């Protein structure tokens, strides 16, 4: 995935996070979130559901990369002891799987 698309996805996630924080703050103060925050959250969610959007593709690639990494670590653990290398701790693998 091109770096430009990764940066775009990161920007979208950060904007969504800010919109959620604003909405949470508004709720605490018994107010409505700003129209901008509502639009940002709604826009992100709509893109997130669209399989052709950049954010959907970026998150799918992140997950695929995580799955490949876990698979490699599990395969490595099967032979690590036989070649005198330390294994990847199982707790670390479990945490990564939950991401």
N, C-alpha and C. Protein backbone atom coordinates (compact mmCIF):
# COMPACT_ATOMS: atom_id res chain seq x y z
N UNK A 1 0.85 -1.17 0.00
CA UNK A 1 0.00 0.00 0.00
C UNK A 1 0.89 1.23 0.00
N UNK A 2 0.62 2.19 -0.88
CA UNK A 2 1.45 3.40 -0.95
C UNK A 2 1.39 4.20 0.36
N UNK A 3 2.51 4.83 0.68
CA UNK A 3 2.60 5.62 1.92
C UNK A 3 1.53 6.71 1.96
N UNK A 4 1.22 7.27 0.80
CA UNK A 4 0.20 8.33 0.74
C UNK A 4 -1.15 7.81 1.26
N UNK A 5 -1.51 6.60 0.89
CA UNK A 5 -2.77 6.03 1.35
C UNK A 5 -2.73 5.71 2.84
N UNK A 6 -1.57 5.28 3.31
CA UNK A 6 -1.42 5.02 4.75
C UNK A 6 -1.59 6.32 5.53
N UNK A 7 -0.94 7.39 5.05
CA UNK A 7 -1.06 8.69 5.72
C UNK A 7 -2.51 9.19 5.70
N UNK A 8 -3.19 8.97 4.59
CA UNK A 8 -4.59 9.36 4.46
C UNK A 8 -5.43 8.62 5.51
N UNK A 9 -5.21 7.32 5.63
CA UNK A 9 -5.97 6.51 6.60
C UNK A 9 -5.67 6.96 8.02
N UNK A 10 -4.42 7.24 8.32
CA UNK A 10 -4.05 7.70 9.67
C UNK A 10 -4.75 9.02 9.97
N UNK A 11 -4.76 9.93 9.00
CA UNK A 11 -5.44 11.21 9.19
C UNK A 11 -6.93 11.03 9.45
N UNK A 12 -7.55 10.12 8.73
CA UNK A 12 -8.97 9.85 8.93
C UNK A 12 -9.23 9.28 10.32
N UNK A 13 -8.38 8.38 10.75
CA UNK A 13 -8.55 7.78 12.08
C UNK A 13 -8.37 8.84 13.16
N UNK A 14 -7.39 9.70 13.01
CA UNK A 14 -7.16 10.76 13.99
C UNK A 14 -8.34 11.73 14.04
N UNK A 15 -8.88 12.09 12.87
CA UNK A 15 -10.04 12.99 12.83
C UNK A 15 -11.26 12.32 13.48
N UNK A 16 -11.43 11.03 13.24
CA UNK A 16 -12.54 10.29 13.84
C UNK A 16 -12.38 10.26 15.36
N UNK A 17 -11.15 10.03 15.82
CA UNK A 17 -10.89 9.99 17.25
C UNK A 17 -11.22 11.35 17.90
N UNK A 18 -10.83 12.44 17.24
CA UNK A 18 -11.14 13.78 17.75
C UNK A 18 -12.65 14.01 17.81
N UNK A 19 -13.36 13.55 16.77
CA UNK A 19 -14.81 13.70 16.74
C UNK A 19 -15.45 12.92 17.88
N UNK A 20 -14.95 11.72 18.15
CA UNK A 20 -15.49 10.93 19.26
C UNK A 20 -15.21 11.59 20.61
N UNK A 21 -14.03 12.16 20.76
CA UNK A 21 -13.70 12.85 22.01
C UNK A 21 -14.61 14.06 22.21
N UNK A 22 -14.85 14.79 21.12
CA UNK A 22 -15.75 15.95 21.22
C UNK A 22 -17.16 15.51 21.57
N UNK A 23 -17.63 14.42 20.95
CA UNK A 23 -18.97 13.91 21.24
C UNK A 23 -19.07 13.45 22.69
N UNK A 24 -18.03 12.81 23.19
CA UNK A 24 -18.03 12.35 24.58
C UNK A 24 -18.07 13.54 25.54
N UNK A 25 -17.27 14.56 25.23
CA UNK A 25 -17.25 15.76 26.06
C UNK A 25 -18.61 16.46 26.05
N UNK A 26 -19.22 16.53 24.88
CA UNK A 26 -20.54 17.15 24.77
C UNK A 26 -21.57 16.38 25.58
N UNK A 27 -21.49 15.07 25.54
CA UNK A 27 -22.44 14.24 26.29
C UNK A 27 -22.28 14.47 27.79
N UNK A 28 -21.03 14.55 28.24
CA UNK A 28 -20.77 14.80 29.67
C UNK A 28 -21.38 16.14 30.09
N UNK A 29 -21.30 17.13 29.20
CA UNK A 29 -21.82 18.47 29.49
C UNK A 29 -23.29 18.62 29.08
N UNK A 30 -23.93 17.50 28.76
CA UNK A 30 -25.34 17.49 28.36
C UNK A 30 -25.61 18.44 27.19
N UNK A 31 -24.72 18.37 26.19
CA UNK A 31 -24.84 19.19 24.98
C UNK A 31 -24.80 18.29 23.76
N UNK A 32 -25.16 18.85 22.63
CA UNK A 32 -25.03 18.13 21.37
C UNK A 32 -23.64 18.36 20.80
N UNK A 33 -23.06 17.35 20.17
CA UNK A 33 -21.77 17.56 19.50
C UNK A 33 -21.96 18.54 18.34
N UNK A 34 -20.88 19.18 17.95
CA UNK A 34 -20.95 20.13 16.84
C UNK A 34 -21.31 19.41 15.55
N UNK A 35 -21.90 20.12 14.60
CA UNK A 35 -22.19 19.51 13.31
C UNK A 35 -20.95 18.95 12.62
N UNK A 36 -19.82 19.60 12.82
CA UNK A 36 -18.56 19.13 12.23
C UNK A 36 -18.18 17.77 12.81
N UNK A 37 -18.29 17.63 14.13
CA UNK A 37 -17.95 16.35 14.77
C UNK A 37 -18.90 15.26 14.30
N UNK A 38 -20.19 15.58 14.19
CA UNK A 38 -21.17 14.60 13.71
C UNK A 38 -20.85 14.18 12.28
N UNK A 39 -20.53 15.16 11.44
CA UNK A 39 -20.22 14.87 10.04
C UNK A 39 -18.94 14.04 9.92
N UNK A 40 -17.93 14.36 10.72
CA UNK A 40 -16.67 13.62 10.68
C UNK A 40 -16.88 12.17 11.11
N UNK A 41 -17.60 11.96 12.18
CA UNK A 41 -17.85 10.60 12.67
C UNK A 41 -18.69 9.82 11.66
N UNK A 42 -19.70 10.45 11.13
CA UNK A 42 -20.56 9.79 10.15
C UNK A 42 -19.79 9.46 8.88
N UNK A 43 -18.98 10.40 8.41
CA UNK A 43 -18.19 10.17 7.19
C UNK A 43 -17.20 9.04 7.36
N UNK A 44 -16.53 9.00 8.50
CA UNK A 44 -15.58 7.92 8.76
C UNK A 44 -16.29 6.58 8.77
N UNK A 45 -17.42 6.52 9.47
CA UNK A 45 -18.13 5.26 9.59
C UNK A 45 -18.60 4.77 8.22
N UNK A 46 -19.09 5.69 7.39
CA UNK A 46 -19.53 5.30 6.05
C UNK A 46 -18.37 4.79 5.21
N UNK A 47 -17.22 5.44 5.30
CA UNK A 47 -16.04 4.97 4.57
C UNK A 47 -15.56 3.63 5.10
N UNK A 48 -15.62 3.48 6.41
CA UNK A 48 -15.18 2.24 7.05
C UNK A 48 -15.98 1.04 6.55
N UNK A 49 -17.26 1.25 6.28
CA UNK A 49 -18.13 0.17 5.81
C UNK A 49 -17.96 -0.11 4.31
N UNK A 50 -17.38 0.83 3.57
CA UNK A 50 -17.24 0.70 2.12
C UNK A 50 -15.96 -0.06 1.78
N UNK A 51 -16.09 -1.25 1.22
CA UNK A 51 -14.94 -2.09 0.92
C UNK A 51 -13.99 -1.48 -0.12
N UNK A 52 -14.43 -0.47 -0.83
CA UNK A 52 -13.57 0.18 -1.83
C UNK A 52 -12.88 1.44 -1.30
N UNK A 53 -13.15 1.81 -0.05
CA UNK A 53 -12.56 3.03 0.50
C UNK A 53 -11.11 2.79 0.93
N UNK A 54 -10.35 3.86 0.99
CA UNK A 54 -8.95 3.77 1.40
C UNK A 54 -8.82 3.31 2.84
N UNK A 55 -9.69 3.78 3.72
CA UNK A 55 -9.58 3.42 5.13
C UNK A 55 -9.87 1.93 5.32
N UNK A 56 -10.85 1.41 4.62
CA UNK A 56 -11.18 -0.01 4.70
C UNK A 56 -9.99 -0.85 4.24
N UNK A 57 -9.42 -0.47 3.09
CA UNK A 57 -8.29 -1.22 2.54
C UNK A 57 -7.07 -1.13 3.45
N UNK A 58 -6.81 0.05 4.02
CA UNK A 58 -5.66 0.21 4.90
C UNK A 58 -5.79 -0.67 6.14
N UNK A 59 -6.96 -0.65 6.76
CA UNK A 59 -7.16 -1.47 7.96
C UNK A 59 -7.13 -2.95 7.64
N UNK A 60 -7.62 -3.32 6.47
CA UNK A 60 -7.56 -4.72 6.05
C UNK A 60 -6.10 -5.15 5.88
N UNK A 61 -5.26 -4.28 5.31
CA UNK A 61 -3.84 -4.61 5.14
C UNK A 61 -3.12 -4.70 6.48
N UNK A 62 -3.48 -3.84 7.42
CA UNK A 62 -2.88 -3.91 8.75
C UNK A 62 -3.22 -5.25 9.40
N UNK A 63 -4.47 -5.65 9.29
CA UNK A 63 -4.88 -6.94 9.87
C UNK A 63 -4.17 -8.09 9.18
N UNK A 64 -4.06 -8.04 7.86
CA UNK A 64 -3.38 -9.10 7.11
C UNK A 64 -1.92 -9.18 7.56
N UNK A 65 -1.28 -8.04 7.73
CA UNK A 65 0.10 -8.02 8.19
C UNK A 65 0.24 -8.62 9.57
N UNK A 66 -0.71 -8.31 10.43
CA UNK A 66 -0.69 -8.88 11.78
C UNK A 66 -0.83 -10.40 11.71
N UNK A 67 -1.75 -10.87 10.90
CA UNK A 67 -1.97 -12.32 10.78
C UNK A 67 -0.73 -13.03 10.26
N UNK A 68 -0.06 -12.43 9.28
CA UNK A 68 1.17 -13.01 8.74
C UNK A 68 2.24 -13.05 9.81
N UNK A 69 2.37 -11.97 10.57
CA UNK A 69 3.36 -11.92 11.64
C UNK A 69 3.12 -12.97 12.71
N UNK A 70 1.88 -13.16 13.09
CA UNK A 70 1.54 -14.18 14.09
C UNK A 70 1.87 -15.57 13.55
N UNK A 71 1.52 -15.81 12.29
CA UNK A 71 1.80 -17.11 11.68
C UNK A 71 3.30 -17.39 11.64
N UNK A 72 4.07 -16.37 11.27
CA UNK A 72 5.53 -16.54 11.24
C UNK A 72 6.09 -16.81 12.63
N UNK A 73 5.59 -16.08 13.63
CA UNK A 73 6.07 -16.27 15.00
C UNK A 73 5.72 -17.67 15.50
N UNK A 74 4.54 -18.15 15.19
CA UNK A 74 4.15 -19.49 15.61
C UNK A 74 5.02 -20.56 14.93
N UNK A 75 5.29 -20.36 13.65
CA UNK A 75 6.17 -21.30 12.93
C UNK A 75 7.58 -21.26 13.50
N UNK A 76 8.07 -20.06 13.78
CA UNK A 76 9.40 -19.90 14.36
C UNK A 76 9.47 -20.62 15.71
N UNK A 77 8.42 -20.45 16.52
CA UNK A 77 8.42 -21.09 17.85
C UNK A 77 8.54 -22.61 17.76
N UNK A 78 8.06 -23.19 16.70
CA UNK A 78 8.13 -24.64 16.53
C UNK A 78 9.57 -25.13 16.37
N UNK A 79 10.44 -24.27 15.85
CA UNK A 79 11.82 -24.71 15.62
C UNK A 79 12.84 -23.97 16.49
N UNK A 80 12.43 -22.92 17.17
CA UNK A 80 13.37 -22.08 17.92
C UNK A 80 14.21 -22.87 18.91
N UNK A 81 13.59 -23.72 19.67
CA UNK A 81 14.32 -24.49 20.68
C UNK A 81 15.34 -25.41 20.03
N UNK A 82 14.99 -25.99 18.89
CA UNK A 82 15.89 -26.92 18.20
C UNK A 82 17.13 -26.23 17.63
N UNK A 83 17.04 -24.93 17.39
CA UNK A 83 18.19 -24.21 16.83
C UNK A 83 18.85 -23.30 17.86
N UNK A 84 18.46 -23.48 19.13
CA UNK A 84 19.11 -22.72 20.21
C UNK A 84 18.71 -21.26 20.27
N UNK A 85 17.53 -20.93 19.80
CA UNK A 85 17.05 -19.55 19.83
C UNK A 85 15.89 -19.43 20.81
N UNK A 86 15.72 -18.24 21.38
CA UNK A 86 14.58 -18.05 22.28
C UNK A 86 13.27 -18.02 21.48
N UNK A 87 12.20 -18.45 22.10
CA UNK A 87 10.91 -18.43 21.41
C UNK A 87 10.19 -17.11 21.69
N UNK A 88 9.21 -16.81 20.86
CA UNK A 88 8.36 -15.65 21.08
C UNK A 88 7.41 -16.03 22.22
N UNK A 89 7.36 -15.23 23.28
CA UNK A 89 6.50 -15.58 24.42
C UNK A 89 5.04 -15.75 23.99
N UNK A 90 4.41 -16.78 24.49
CA UNK A 90 3.01 -17.05 24.14
C UNK A 90 2.09 -15.90 24.53
N UNK A 91 2.39 -15.24 25.65
CA UNK A 91 1.54 -14.12 26.07
C UNK A 91 1.62 -12.99 25.04
N UNK A 92 2.79 -12.77 24.46
CA UNK A 92 2.93 -11.74 23.43
C UNK A 92 2.12 -12.10 22.18
N UNK A 93 2.16 -13.37 21.81
CA UNK A 93 1.38 -13.81 20.64
C UNK A 93 -0.12 -13.63 20.90
N UNK A 94 -0.57 -13.96 22.08
CA UNK A 94 -1.99 -13.82 22.41
C UNK A 94 -2.42 -12.36 22.37
N UNK A 95 -1.57 -11.47 22.88
CA UNK A 95 -1.90 -10.04 22.84
C UNK A 95 -1.98 -9.53 21.41
N UNK A 96 -1.04 -9.94 20.56
CA UNK A 96 -1.02 -9.51 19.17
C UNK A 96 -2.28 -10.02 18.44
N UNK A 97 -2.67 -11.23 18.73
CA UNK A 97 -3.86 -11.80 18.09
C UNK A 97 -5.12 -11.01 18.42
N UNK A 98 -5.15 -10.39 19.59
CA UNK A 98 -6.33 -9.64 20.01
C UNK A 98 -6.40 -8.24 19.42
N UNK A 99 -5.33 -7.79 18.80
CA UNK A 99 -5.33 -6.44 18.21
C UNK A 99 -6.32 -6.33 17.08
